[in-house]
Amino acid sequence: MALQLGDIAPDFSQKSSSGDINFHEWAGDSWVVLFSHPADYTPVCTTELGTVAKYRAEFEKRNVKTIALSVDGVESHKGWIGDINETQGTSVDYPILADEDKKVSNLYGMLHPESSTGNTLTVRSVFVIDPNKKIRLMITYPASTGRNFDELLRVIDSLQLTDYHKVATPANWQDGGDCVVVPSISTEDAKKEFPKGVTEVKPYLRMTPQPNK
């Protein structure tokens, strides 16, 4: 069956550009961004891996580890990393899984739907996984569109905020913006819960300043 939000991210052991990895052990108590690529030496993905390396400090301050995947081997990955570092002006120091046997690709439903006809390329998927190993976000991108890692950081900010406070985040929310009071709490209780104030736009739509700012 296809993976769904809230499922435990499948565990696996696989080779990578950083050595052998047992996924759950490697993830530890961190959040994880796992993202797949059709193959090494592909142009859009070269810019993506470089961007993730440049965003290392942003991921680290959110307790996020990053890990990439393609179906090519370790030596191919290492050569590609050299190209990424050269062309993107960065240093890729996170693992790229060498999923030559497609074990991880099959576990996560990453294989292209035409793989049965000989195309073994992985689709360009991304998974956000929390410290409890639960899948919290899944997105699959078309080959021609580079992923927006600012959006992934935004979603992680929202998930980490709403895990600990009785709020949700509205459309186009950015860190520091007003939040939505969840429907399960009454307006009366919300005013006690959120001392910064609660604005009742409609009985079902209550806004409050971000509680952890």
N, C-alpha and C. Protein backbone atom coordinates (compact mmCIF):
# COMPACT_ATOMS: atom_id res chain seq x y z
N MET A 1 0.84 -1.20 0.00
CA MET A 1 0.00 0.00 0.00
C MET A 1 0.87 1.25 0.00
N ALA A 2 0.35 2.32 -0.61
CA ALA A 2 1.10 3.57 -0.67
C ALA A 2 1.22 4.17 0.72
N LEU A 3 2.35 4.82 0.97
CA LEU A 3 2.55 5.51 2.24
C LEU A 3 1.59 6.68 2.36
N GLN A 4 1.17 6.96 3.59
CA GLN A 4 0.29 8.08 3.86
C GLN A 4 0.86 8.92 4.99
N LEU A 5 0.36 10.15 5.10
CA LEU A 5 0.78 11.00 6.20
C LEU A 5 0.43 10.33 7.53
N GLY A 6 1.36 10.38 8.46
CA GLY A 6 1.15 9.75 9.75
C GLY A 6 1.72 8.35 9.84
N ASP A 7 2.03 7.73 8.69
CA ASP A 7 2.66 6.41 8.71
C ASP A 7 4.09 6.52 9.26
N ILE A 8 4.56 5.43 9.86
CA ILE A 8 5.96 5.37 10.25
C ILE A 8 6.81 5.23 8.99
N ALA A 9 7.80 6.08 8.85
CA ALA A 9 8.69 6.00 7.69
C ALA A 9 9.42 4.66 7.71
N PRO A 10 9.36 3.90 6.63
CA PRO A 10 10.01 2.59 6.62
C PRO A 10 11.50 2.68 6.93
N ASP A 11 11.97 1.76 7.76
CA ASP A 11 13.39 1.70 8.09
C ASP A 11 14.11 0.93 6.99
N PHE A 12 15.38 1.15 6.85
CA PHE A 12 16.18 0.44 5.85
C PHE A 12 17.65 0.60 6.18
N SER A 13 18.46 -0.27 5.61
CA SER A 13 19.91 -0.13 5.61
C SER A 13 20.35 -0.04 4.17
N GLN A 14 21.21 0.94 3.86
CA GLN A 14 21.61 1.14 2.46
C GLN A 14 22.97 1.84 2.43
N LYS A 15 23.71 1.59 1.35
CA LYS A 15 24.96 2.29 1.12
C LYS A 15 24.68 3.74 0.76
N SER A 16 25.67 4.59 1.06
CA SER A 16 25.53 6.00 0.70
C SER A 16 26.91 6.59 0.45
N SER A 17 26.91 7.82 0.00
CA SER A 17 28.16 8.54 -0.23
C SER A 17 28.91 8.79 1.07
N SER A 18 28.22 8.63 2.22
CA SER A 18 28.84 8.82 3.53
C SER A 18 29.01 7.52 4.29
N GLY A 19 28.95 6.39 3.58
CA GLY A 19 29.07 5.09 4.22
C GLY A 19 27.71 4.42 4.40
N ASP A 20 27.71 3.25 5.02
CA ASP A 20 26.47 2.49 5.23
C ASP A 20 25.59 3.22 6.24
N ILE A 21 24.28 3.24 5.95
CA ILE A 21 23.33 3.95 6.80
C ILE A 21 22.18 3.03 7.19
N ASN A 22 21.92 2.95 8.50
CA ASN A 22 20.65 2.41 8.99
C ASN A 22 19.77 3.61 9.26
N PHE A 23 18.67 3.72 8.54
CA PHE A 23 17.94 4.99 8.48
C PHE A 23 17.45 5.47 9.84
N HIS A 24 16.72 4.65 10.56
CA HIS A 24 16.16 5.09 11.84
C HIS A 24 17.27 5.43 12.83
N GLU A 25 18.32 4.64 12.83
CA GLU A 25 19.45 4.91 13.72
C GLU A 25 20.13 6.22 13.34
N TRP A 26 20.32 6.42 12.03
CA TRP A 26 20.95 7.65 11.54
C TRP A 26 20.09 8.87 11.88
N ALA A 27 18.78 8.75 11.75
CA ALA A 27 17.88 9.87 12.00
C ALA A 27 17.90 10.28 13.47
N GLY A 28 18.00 9.30 14.36
CA GLY A 28 18.04 9.61 15.79
C GLY A 28 16.82 10.39 16.23
N ASP A 29 17.05 11.48 16.97
CA ASP A 29 15.97 12.32 17.48
C ASP A 29 15.74 13.56 16.61
N SER A 30 16.21 13.52 15.39
CA SER A 30 16.09 14.67 14.49
C SER A 30 14.88 14.54 13.57
N TRP A 31 14.47 15.67 13.03
CA TRP A 31 13.60 15.68 11.86
C TRP A 31 14.46 15.31 10.65
N VAL A 32 13.83 14.81 9.61
CA VAL A 32 14.57 14.40 8.41
C VAL A 32 13.84 14.89 7.16
N VAL A 33 14.62 15.41 6.21
CA VAL A 33 14.14 15.64 4.85
C VAL A 33 14.82 14.61 3.96
N LEU A 34 14.02 13.69 3.41
CA LEU A 34 14.50 12.65 2.49
C LEU A 34 13.99 13.02 1.10
N PHE A 35 14.91 13.21 0.15
CA PHE A 35 14.46 13.63 -1.19
C PHE A 35 15.19 12.82 -2.27
N SER A 36 14.43 12.40 -3.27
CA SER A 36 14.97 11.51 -4.31
C SER A 36 15.19 12.25 -5.62
N HIS A 37 16.07 11.66 -6.44
CA HIS A 37 16.45 12.24 -7.72
C HIS A 37 16.42 11.17 -8.80
N PRO A 38 16.06 11.55 -10.04
CA PRO A 38 16.00 10.55 -11.11
C PRO A 38 17.32 9.83 -11.35
N ALA A 39 18.42 10.57 -11.28
CA ALA A 39 19.73 9.98 -11.57
C ALA A 39 20.80 11.00 -11.23
N ASP A 40 22.04 10.54 -11.13
CA ASP A 40 23.16 11.46 -10.95
C ASP A 40 23.40 12.25 -12.23
N TYR A 41 24.12 13.36 -12.08
CA TYR A 41 24.50 14.20 -13.22
C TYR A 41 23.28 14.70 -14.00
N THR A 42 22.24 15.06 -13.27
CA THR A 42 21.06 15.67 -13.89
C THR A 42 21.04 17.15 -13.50
N PRO A 43 20.63 18.04 -14.42
CA PRO A 43 20.87 19.48 -14.20
C PRO A 43 20.05 20.09 -13.07
N VAL A 44 18.73 19.87 -13.06
CA VAL A 44 17.89 20.48 -12.03
C VAL A 44 18.31 19.98 -10.65
N CYS A 45 18.56 18.68 -10.55
CA CYS A 45 18.92 18.09 -9.26
C CYS A 45 20.28 18.59 -8.78
N THR A 46 21.17 18.90 -9.69
CA THR A 46 22.46 19.46 -9.30
C THR A 46 22.25 20.77 -8.54
N THR A 47 21.33 21.61 -9.03
CA THR A 47 21.05 22.87 -8.32
C THR A 47 20.36 22.60 -6.99
N GLU A 48 19.54 21.55 -6.91
CA GLU A 48 18.83 21.25 -5.67
C GLU A 48 19.79 20.77 -4.58
N LEU A 49 20.66 19.84 -4.91
CA LEU A 49 21.60 19.35 -3.90
C LEU A 49 22.52 20.46 -3.42
N GLY A 50 22.90 21.35 -4.33
CA GLY A 50 23.71 22.49 -3.92
C GLY A 50 22.95 23.42 -2.99
N THR A 51 21.68 23.64 -3.28
CA THR A 51 20.86 24.51 -2.43
C THR A 51 20.72 23.93 -1.03
N VAL A 52 20.48 22.62 -0.93
CA VAL A 52 20.35 21.99 0.38
C VAL A 52 21.64 22.16 1.18
N ALA A 53 22.78 22.00 0.53
CA ALA A 53 24.06 22.21 1.23
C ALA A 53 24.18 23.64 1.72
N LYS A 54 23.76 24.62 0.92
CA LYS A 54 23.85 26.02 1.31
C LYS A 54 22.91 26.33 2.48
N TYR A 55 21.83 25.57 2.59
CA TYR A 55 20.84 25.80 3.65
C TYR A 55 21.15 25.02 4.92
N ARG A 56 22.34 24.48 5.01
CA ARG A 56 22.64 23.61 6.14
C ARG A 56 22.34 24.27 7.48
N ALA A 57 22.74 25.52 7.66
CA ALA A 57 22.53 26.20 8.94
C ALA A 57 21.05 26.34 9.25
N GLU A 58 20.23 26.59 8.23
CA GLU A 58 18.79 26.71 8.44
C GLU A 58 18.18 25.38 8.88
N PHE A 59 18.63 24.29 8.26
CA PHE A 59 18.13 22.98 8.67
C PHE A 59 18.61 22.63 10.08
N GLU A 60 19.85 22.93 10.37
CA GLU A 60 20.42 22.56 11.67
C GLU A 60 19.70 23.27 12.82
N LYS A 61 19.35 24.53 12.65
CA LYS A 61 18.70 25.24 13.75
C LYS A 61 17.27 24.76 13.98
N ARG A 62 16.75 23.98 13.03
CA ARG A 62 15.44 23.35 13.20
C ARG A 62 15.57 21.87 13.57
N ASN A 63 16.79 21.41 13.86
CA ASN A 63 17.05 20.01 14.20
C ASN A 63 16.64 19.08 13.06
N VAL A 64 17.03 19.45 11.84
CA VAL A 64 16.68 18.67 10.64
C VAL A 64 17.95 18.12 10.01
N LYS A 65 17.93 16.81 9.72
CA LYS A 65 18.97 16.18 8.90
C LYS A 65 18.44 16.02 7.48
N THR A 66 19.33 16.14 6.49
CA THR A 66 18.93 15.96 5.10
C THR A 66 19.63 14.75 4.52
N ILE A 67 18.91 14.04 3.63
CA ILE A 67 19.47 12.86 2.99
C ILE A 67 18.83 12.72 1.61
N ALA A 68 19.67 12.55 0.59
CA ALA A 68 19.19 12.43 -0.78
C ALA A 68 19.27 10.98 -1.24
N LEU A 69 18.72 10.71 -2.40
CA LEU A 69 18.72 9.35 -2.96
C LEU A 69 18.70 9.41 -4.47
N SER A 70 19.48 8.54 -5.11
CA SER A 70 19.22 8.17 -6.50
C SER A 70 19.66 6.72 -6.69
N VAL A 71 19.32 6.15 -7.82
CA VAL A 71 19.56 4.71 -8.04
C VAL A 71 20.96 4.44 -8.58
N ASP A 72 21.81 5.46 -8.64
CA ASP A 72 23.19 5.24 -9.05
C ASP A 72 24.04 4.84 -7.85
N GLY A 73 25.28 4.41 -8.13
CA GLY A 73 26.14 3.86 -7.09
C GLY A 73 26.97 4.91 -6.37
N VAL A 74 27.69 4.45 -5.34
CA VAL A 74 28.47 5.33 -4.48
C VAL A 74 29.52 6.11 -5.27
N GLU A 75 30.26 5.43 -6.14
CA GLU A 75 31.32 6.11 -6.88
C GLU A 75 30.75 7.18 -7.80
N SER A 76 29.60 6.89 -8.41
CA SER A 76 28.93 7.88 -9.24
C SER A 76 28.52 9.08 -8.39
N HIS A 77 27.99 8.81 -7.20
CA HIS A 77 27.59 9.90 -6.31
C HIS A 77 28.78 10.79 -5.97
N LYS A 78 29.91 10.18 -5.66
CA LYS A 78 31.07 10.95 -5.26
C LYS A 78 31.56 11.85 -6.41
N GLY A 79 31.52 11.32 -7.63
CA GLY A 79 31.88 12.15 -8.78
C GLY A 79 30.92 13.30 -8.98
N TRP A 80 29.62 13.02 -8.81
CA TRP A 80 28.60 14.05 -8.97
C TRP A 80 28.74 15.13 -7.89
N ILE A 81 29.04 14.71 -6.67
CA ILE A 81 29.23 15.67 -5.58
C ILE A 81 30.34 16.67 -5.95
N GLY A 82 31.41 16.17 -6.61
CA GLY A 82 32.46 17.08 -7.05
C GLY A 82 31.94 18.13 -8.01
N ASP A 83 31.08 17.71 -8.94
CA ASP A 83 30.47 18.66 -9.88
C ASP A 83 29.56 19.65 -9.16
N ILE A 84 28.76 19.14 -8.22
CA ILE A 84 27.84 20.02 -7.47
C ILE A 84 28.62 21.08 -6.72
N ASN A 85 29.66 20.65 -6.01
CA ASN A 85 30.46 21.60 -5.24
C ASN A 85 31.09 22.66 -6.15
N GLU A 86 31.56 22.22 -7.31
CA GLU A 86 32.21 23.14 -8.24
C GLU A 86 31.22 24.14 -8.83
N THR A 87 30.09 23.64 -9.32
CA THR A 87 29.15 24.51 -10.05
C THR A 87 28.26 25.34 -9.13
N GLN A 88 28.01 24.85 -7.92
CA GLN A 88 27.08 25.55 -7.02
C GLN A 88 27.80 26.32 -5.92
N GLY A 89 29.12 26.23 -5.88
CA GLY A 89 29.88 26.99 -4.91
C GLY A 89 29.56 26.61 -3.47
N THR A 90 29.50 25.30 -3.22
CA THR A 90 29.15 24.83 -1.89
C THR A 90 29.88 23.54 -1.59
N SER A 91 29.52 22.89 -0.49
CA SER A 91 30.13 21.62 -0.12
C SER A 91 29.04 20.67 0.36
N VAL A 92 28.74 19.65 -0.43
CA VAL A 92 27.71 18.67 -0.07
C VAL A 92 28.31 17.72 0.97
N ASP A 93 27.82 17.85 2.21
CA ASP A 93 28.38 17.02 3.29
C ASP A 93 27.30 16.18 3.97
N TYR A 94 26.19 15.99 3.29
CA TYR A 94 25.13 15.10 3.78
C TYR A 94 25.08 13.87 2.86
N PRO A 95 24.49 12.77 3.30
CA PRO A 95 24.54 11.53 2.51
C PRO A 95 23.64 11.56 1.28
N ILE A 96 24.11 10.88 0.24
CA ILE A 96 23.26 10.53 -0.91
C ILE A 96 23.17 9.01 -0.94
N LEU A 97 21.98 8.48 -0.73
CA LEU A 97 21.80 7.03 -0.74
C LEU A 97 22.06 6.47 -2.13
N ALA A 98 22.78 5.35 -2.17
CA ALA A 98 23.09 4.67 -3.42
C ALA A 98 22.12 3.49 -3.56
N ASP A 99 20.95 3.78 -4.08
CA ASP A 99 19.85 2.81 -4.08
C ASP A 99 19.86 1.97 -5.36
N GLU A 100 21.00 1.32 -5.62
CA GLU A 100 21.13 0.56 -6.86
C GLU A 100 20.16 -0.61 -6.94
N ASP A 101 19.85 -1.23 -5.79
CA ASP A 101 18.91 -2.35 -5.80
C ASP A 101 17.46 -1.88 -5.68
N LYS A 102 17.27 -0.57 -5.60
CA LYS A 102 15.94 0.07 -5.57
C LYS A 102 15.13 -0.34 -4.35
N LYS A 103 15.80 -0.78 -3.32
CA LYS A 103 15.11 -1.20 -2.09
C LYS A 103 14.36 -0.03 -1.47
N VAL A 104 15.07 1.09 -1.30
CA VAL A 104 14.45 2.25 -0.66
C VAL A 104 13.40 2.87 -1.59
N SER A 105 13.71 2.92 -2.87
CA SER A 105 12.76 3.47 -3.84
C SER A 105 11.43 2.73 -3.81
N ASN A 106 11.49 1.42 -3.68
CA ASN A 106 10.26 0.62 -3.61
C ASN A 106 9.54 0.83 -2.28
N LEU A 107 10.31 0.89 -1.18
CA LEU A 107 9.69 1.10 0.13
C LEU A 107 8.90 2.40 0.18
N TYR A 108 9.41 3.43 -0.48
CA TYR A 108 8.81 4.76 -0.41
C TYR A 108 8.00 5.13 -1.66
N GLY A 109 7.82 4.19 -2.57
CA GLY A 109 7.02 4.47 -3.76
C GLY A 109 7.63 5.51 -4.66
N MET A 110 8.98 5.48 -4.76
CA MET A 110 9.68 6.51 -5.53
C MET A 110 9.92 6.13 -6.99
N LEU A 111 9.68 4.89 -7.36
CA LEU A 111 9.99 4.49 -8.73
C LEU A 111 9.00 5.10 -9.71
N HIS A 112 9.52 5.55 -10.84
CA HIS A 112 8.68 6.12 -11.88
C HIS A 112 7.65 5.09 -12.32
N PRO A 113 6.40 5.52 -12.58
CA PRO A 113 5.36 4.55 -12.98
C PRO A 113 5.67 3.78 -14.25
N GLU A 114 6.59 4.27 -15.06
CA GLU A 114 6.96 3.56 -16.28
C GLU A 114 8.16 2.65 -16.08
N SER A 115 8.54 2.41 -14.81
CA SER A 115 9.74 1.62 -14.55
C SER A 115 9.60 0.19 -15.07
N SER A 116 8.38 -0.31 -15.17
CA SER A 116 8.17 -1.67 -15.67
C SER A 116 8.53 -1.80 -17.14
N THR A 117 8.62 -0.66 -17.85
CA THR A 117 8.98 -0.70 -19.26
C THR A 117 10.47 -0.45 -19.47
N GLY A 118 11.22 -0.45 -18.38
CA GLY A 118 12.66 -0.30 -18.51
C GLY A 118 13.20 0.99 -17.95
N ASN A 119 12.30 1.94 -17.61
CA ASN A 119 12.74 3.20 -17.03
C ASN A 119 12.84 3.01 -15.51
N THR A 120 14.04 2.97 -14.99
CA THR A 120 14.21 2.73 -13.55
C THR A 120 14.48 4.01 -12.78
N LEU A 121 14.20 5.15 -13.40
CA LEU A 121 14.46 6.41 -12.72
C LEU A 121 13.48 6.61 -11.57
N THR A 122 13.99 7.18 -10.48
CA THR A 122 13.11 7.54 -9.37
C THR A 122 12.42 8.86 -9.68
N VAL A 123 11.18 8.99 -9.20
CA VAL A 123 10.50 10.28 -9.31
C VAL A 123 11.12 11.23 -8.30
N ARG A 124 10.82 12.54 -8.45
CA ARG A 124 11.44 13.55 -7.60
C ARG A 124 10.52 13.83 -6.42
N SER A 125 10.64 12.95 -5.42
CA SER A 125 9.79 13.04 -4.23
C SER A 125 10.57 13.65 -3.07
N VAL A 126 9.80 14.17 -2.11
CA VAL A 126 10.40 14.66 -0.87
C VAL A 126 9.49 14.27 0.29
N PHE A 127 10.12 13.81 1.36
CA PHE A 127 9.41 13.41 2.58
C PHE A 127 9.97 14.20 3.75
N VAL A 128 9.09 14.74 4.58
CA VAL A 128 9.50 15.32 5.86
C VAL A 128 9.05 14.35 6.95
N ILE A 129 10.00 13.95 7.78
CA ILE A 129 9.78 12.91 8.79
C ILE A 129 10.14 13.47 10.15
N ASP A 130 9.27 13.27 11.15
CA ASP A 130 9.51 13.87 12.46
C ASP A 130 10.36 12.95 13.35
N PRO A 131 10.75 13.39 14.55
CA PRO A 131 11.61 12.56 15.41
C PRO A 131 10.98 11.25 15.86
N ASN A 132 9.65 11.14 15.77
CA ASN A 132 8.96 9.88 16.07
C ASN A 132 8.91 8.96 14.86
N LYS A 133 9.61 9.36 13.79
CA LYS A 133 9.70 8.61 12.53
C LYS A 133 8.40 8.61 11.74
N LYS A 134 7.50 9.54 12.05
CA LYS A 134 6.25 9.65 11.31
C LYS A 134 6.41 10.57 10.10
N ILE A 135 5.79 10.17 8.99
CA ILE A 135 5.82 11.00 7.78
C ILE A 135 4.83 12.15 7.96
N ARG A 136 5.33 13.38 7.83
CA ARG A 136 4.49 14.55 8.06
C ARG A 136 4.19 15.33 6.78
N LEU A 137 4.98 15.10 5.73
CA LEU A 137 4.76 15.78 4.45
C LEU A 137 5.28 14.89 3.34
N MET A 138 4.54 14.85 2.23
CA MET A 138 5.00 14.16 1.01
C MET A 138 4.64 15.03 -0.18
N ILE A 139 5.63 15.31 -1.03
CA ILE A 139 5.39 16.05 -2.26
C ILE A 139 6.18 15.37 -3.38
N THR A 140 5.57 15.26 -4.56
CA THR A 140 6.27 14.77 -5.75
C THR A 140 6.25 15.86 -6.81
N TYR A 141 7.43 16.20 -7.30
CA TYR A 141 7.58 17.29 -8.26
C TYR A 141 7.78 16.76 -9.68
N PRO A 142 7.36 17.53 -10.68
CA PRO A 142 7.71 17.17 -12.06
C PRO A 142 9.19 17.39 -12.31
N ALA A 143 9.71 16.66 -13.31
CA ALA A 143 11.16 16.70 -13.56
C ALA A 143 11.66 18.09 -13.92
N SER A 144 10.79 18.92 -14.49
CA SER A 144 11.23 20.22 -14.99
C SER A 144 11.20 21.33 -13.94
N THR A 145 10.68 21.03 -12.75
CA THR A 145 10.49 22.06 -11.73
C THR A 145 11.35 21.78 -10.51
N GLY A 146 12.32 22.66 -10.25
CA GLY A 146 13.16 22.49 -9.07
C GLY A 146 12.36 22.69 -7.79
N ARG A 147 12.70 21.95 -6.78
CA ARG A 147 11.99 22.03 -5.50
C ARG A 147 12.26 23.35 -4.79
N ASN A 148 11.26 23.80 -4.03
CA ASN A 148 11.36 25.05 -3.30
C ASN A 148 11.71 24.73 -1.85
N PHE A 149 12.96 24.84 -1.48
CA PHE A 149 13.40 24.47 -0.14
C PHE A 149 13.02 25.52 0.90
N ASP A 150 12.74 26.75 0.47
CA ASP A 150 12.16 27.72 1.39
C ASP A 150 10.78 27.25 1.85
N GLU A 151 10.02 26.67 0.95
CA GLU A 151 8.70 26.13 1.31
C GLU A 151 8.83 24.97 2.28
N LEU A 152 9.81 24.11 2.07
CA LEU A 152 10.00 23.00 3.00
C LEU A 152 10.35 23.51 4.40
N LEU A 153 11.19 24.54 4.48
CA LEU A 153 11.51 25.13 5.78
C LEU A 153 10.26 25.74 6.41
N ARG A 154 9.42 26.38 5.59
CA ARG A 154 8.18 26.98 6.08
C ARG A 154 7.27 25.91 6.68
N VAL A 155 7.14 24.78 5.98
CA VAL A 155 6.29 23.69 6.48
C VAL A 155 6.85 23.12 7.78
N ILE A 156 8.17 22.95 7.84
CA ILE A 156 8.78 22.43 9.07
C ILE A 156 8.55 23.40 10.22
N ASP A 157 8.68 24.71 9.96
CA ASP A 157 8.37 25.70 11.00
C ASP A 157 6.93 25.55 11.49
N SER A 158 6.02 25.37 10.55
CA SER A 158 4.60 25.20 10.91
C SER A 158 4.38 23.94 11.72
N LEU A 159 4.96 22.83 11.28
CA LEU A 159 4.80 21.56 11.99
C LEU A 159 5.36 21.64 13.41
N GLN A 160 6.53 22.23 13.54
CA GLN A 160 7.15 22.31 14.86
C GLN A 160 6.37 23.25 15.78
N LEU A 161 5.78 24.31 15.22
CA LEU A 161 4.95 25.22 16.01
C LEU A 161 3.66 24.54 16.44
N THR A 162 2.96 23.92 15.49
CA THR A 162 1.63 23.39 15.78
C THR A 162 1.68 22.09 16.57
N ASP A 163 2.83 21.45 16.62
CA ASP A 163 2.97 20.27 17.49
C ASP A 163 2.90 20.65 18.96
N TYR A 164 3.26 21.88 19.31
CA TYR A 164 3.40 22.26 20.71
C TYR A 164 2.41 23.34 21.15
N HIS A 165 1.66 23.90 20.21
CA HIS A 165 0.69 24.94 20.55
C HIS A 165 -0.63 24.64 19.84
N LYS A 166 -1.74 25.10 20.43
CA LYS A 166 -3.08 24.78 19.91
C LYS A 166 -3.46 25.73 18.79
N VAL A 167 -2.61 25.75 17.77
CA VAL A 167 -2.83 26.62 16.62
C VAL A 167 -2.57 25.84 15.33
N ALA A 168 -3.10 26.40 14.25
CA ALA A 168 -2.76 25.98 12.89
C ALA A 168 -2.23 27.22 12.17
N THR A 169 -1.67 27.02 10.97
CA THR A 169 -1.13 28.17 10.25
C THR A 169 -1.95 28.42 8.99
N PRO A 170 -2.29 29.68 8.72
CA PRO A 170 -3.14 30.00 7.57
C PRO A 170 -2.37 29.99 6.26
N ALA A 171 -3.10 30.25 5.18
CA ALA A 171 -2.49 30.32 3.85
C ALA A 171 -1.35 31.34 3.84
N ASN A 172 -0.26 30.95 3.19
CA ASN A 172 0.90 31.82 3.00
C ASN A 172 1.55 32.27 4.30
N TRP A 173 1.27 31.55 5.39
CA TRP A 173 1.88 31.89 6.67
C TRP A 173 3.40 31.83 6.57
N GLN A 174 4.05 32.75 7.25
CA GLN A 174 5.50 32.74 7.42
C GLN A 174 5.80 32.84 8.91
N ASP A 175 6.94 32.32 9.32
CA ASP A 175 7.34 32.36 10.72
C ASP A 175 7.22 33.78 11.26
N GLY A 176 6.49 33.94 12.37
CA GLY A 176 6.26 35.25 12.96
C GLY A 176 4.88 35.81 12.66
N GLY A 177 4.17 35.17 11.73
CA GLY A 177 2.84 35.66 11.36
C GLY A 177 1.75 35.16 12.30
N ASP A 178 0.56 35.78 12.19
CA ASP A 178 -0.57 35.36 13.01
C ASP A 178 -0.99 33.93 12.68
N CYS A 179 -1.54 33.26 13.69
CA CYS A 179 -1.94 31.86 13.56
C CYS A 179 -3.44 31.71 13.79
N VAL A 180 -3.95 30.57 13.36
CA VAL A 180 -5.36 30.23 13.54
C VAL A 180 -5.51 29.41 14.82
N VAL A 181 -6.46 29.77 15.66
CA VAL A 181 -6.78 28.96 16.83
C VAL A 181 -7.51 27.70 16.37
N VAL A 182 -7.08 26.53 16.83
CA VAL A 182 -7.69 25.28 16.37
C VAL A 182 -9.15 25.20 16.83
N PRO A 183 -10.02 24.55 16.03
CA PRO A 183 -11.45 24.50 16.35
C PRO A 183 -11.78 23.80 17.66
N SER A 184 -10.87 22.94 18.16
CA SER A 184 -11.18 22.16 19.36
C SER A 184 -11.15 22.98 20.64
N ILE A 185 -10.69 24.21 20.58
CA ILE A 185 -10.62 25.06 21.77
C ILE A 185 -11.62 26.21 21.61
N SER A 186 -12.40 26.48 22.65
CA SER A 186 -13.41 27.54 22.59
C SER A 186 -12.72 28.90 22.62
N THR A 187 -13.46 29.91 22.16
CA THR A 187 -12.90 31.27 22.17
C THR A 187 -12.57 31.70 23.59
N GLU A 188 -13.45 31.35 24.54
CA GLU A 188 -13.21 31.70 25.94
C GLU A 188 -11.91 31.08 26.45
N ASP A 189 -11.73 29.80 26.16
CA ASP A 189 -10.50 29.13 26.59
C ASP A 189 -9.28 29.65 25.82
N ALA A 190 -9.51 30.00 24.55
CA ALA A 190 -8.41 30.51 23.74
C ALA A 190 -7.86 31.81 24.32
N LYS A 191 -8.73 32.65 24.85
CA LYS A 191 -8.28 33.92 25.42
C LYS A 191 -7.41 33.70 26.65
N LYS A 192 -7.65 32.60 27.35
CA LYS A 192 -6.80 32.24 28.48
C LYS A 192 -5.49 31.61 28.00
N GLU A 193 -5.61 30.80 26.93
CA GLU A 193 -4.46 30.07 26.38
C GLU A 193 -3.47 31.02 25.71
N PHE A 194 -3.99 32.08 25.07
CA PHE A 194 -3.15 32.97 24.27
C PHE A 194 -3.25 34.40 24.81
N PRO A 195 -2.40 34.74 25.77
CA PRO A 195 -2.48 36.06 26.41
C PRO A 195 -2.16 37.22 25.48
N LYS A 196 -1.57 36.95 24.33
CA LYS A 196 -1.30 38.03 23.37
C LYS A 196 -2.57 38.53 22.70
N GLY A 197 -3.66 37.78 22.87
CA GLY A 197 -4.93 38.22 22.31
C GLY A 197 -5.49 37.26 21.28
N VAL A 198 -6.82 37.27 21.16
CA VAL A 198 -7.52 36.45 20.17
C VAL A 198 -8.51 37.34 19.45
N THR A 199 -8.47 37.32 18.12
CA THR A 199 -9.41 38.07 17.29
C THR A 199 -10.39 37.10 16.66
N GLU A 200 -11.68 37.27 16.97
CA GLU A 200 -12.71 36.38 16.41
C GLU A 200 -13.25 37.00 15.13
N VAL A 201 -12.77 36.49 13.98
CA VAL A 201 -13.25 36.95 12.68
C VAL A 201 -14.63 36.36 12.42
N LYS A 202 -14.76 35.08 12.67
CA LYS A 202 -16.00 34.33 12.68
C LYS A 202 -15.90 33.36 13.86
N PRO A 203 -17.02 32.83 14.35
CA PRO A 203 -16.91 31.89 15.47
C PRO A 203 -15.96 30.73 15.21
N TYR A 204 -15.81 30.36 13.94
CA TYR A 204 -14.93 29.24 13.58
C TYR A 204 -13.56 29.71 13.11
N LEU A 205 -13.36 31.01 13.00
CA LEU A 205 -12.10 31.56 12.50
C LEU A 205 -11.58 32.58 13.50
N ARG A 206 -10.67 32.12 14.36
CA ARG A 206 -10.07 32.96 15.39
C ARG A 206 -8.57 33.07 15.13
N MET A 207 -8.05 34.28 15.22
CA MET A 207 -6.64 34.51 14.96
C MET A 207 -5.93 34.95 16.24
N THR A 208 -4.66 34.58 16.36
CA THR A 208 -3.84 34.99 17.49
C THR A 208 -2.39 35.17 17.04
N PRO A 209 -1.67 36.10 17.65
CA PRO A 209 -0.23 36.21 17.30
C PRO A 209 0.49 34.90 17.59
N GLN A 210 1.53 34.65 16.83
CA GLN A 210 2.27 33.40 16.99
C GLN A 210 2.72 33.25 18.44
N PRO A 211 2.32 32.16 19.12
CA PRO A 211 2.52 32.07 20.56
C PRO A 211 3.97 31.90 21.02
N ASN A 212 4.85 31.42 20.14
CA ASN A 212 6.23 31.19 20.60
C ASN A 212 7.18 32.29 20.14
N LYS A 213 6.63 33.45 19.81
CA LYS A 213 7.46 34.61 19.42
C LYS A 213 7.37 35.71 20.47
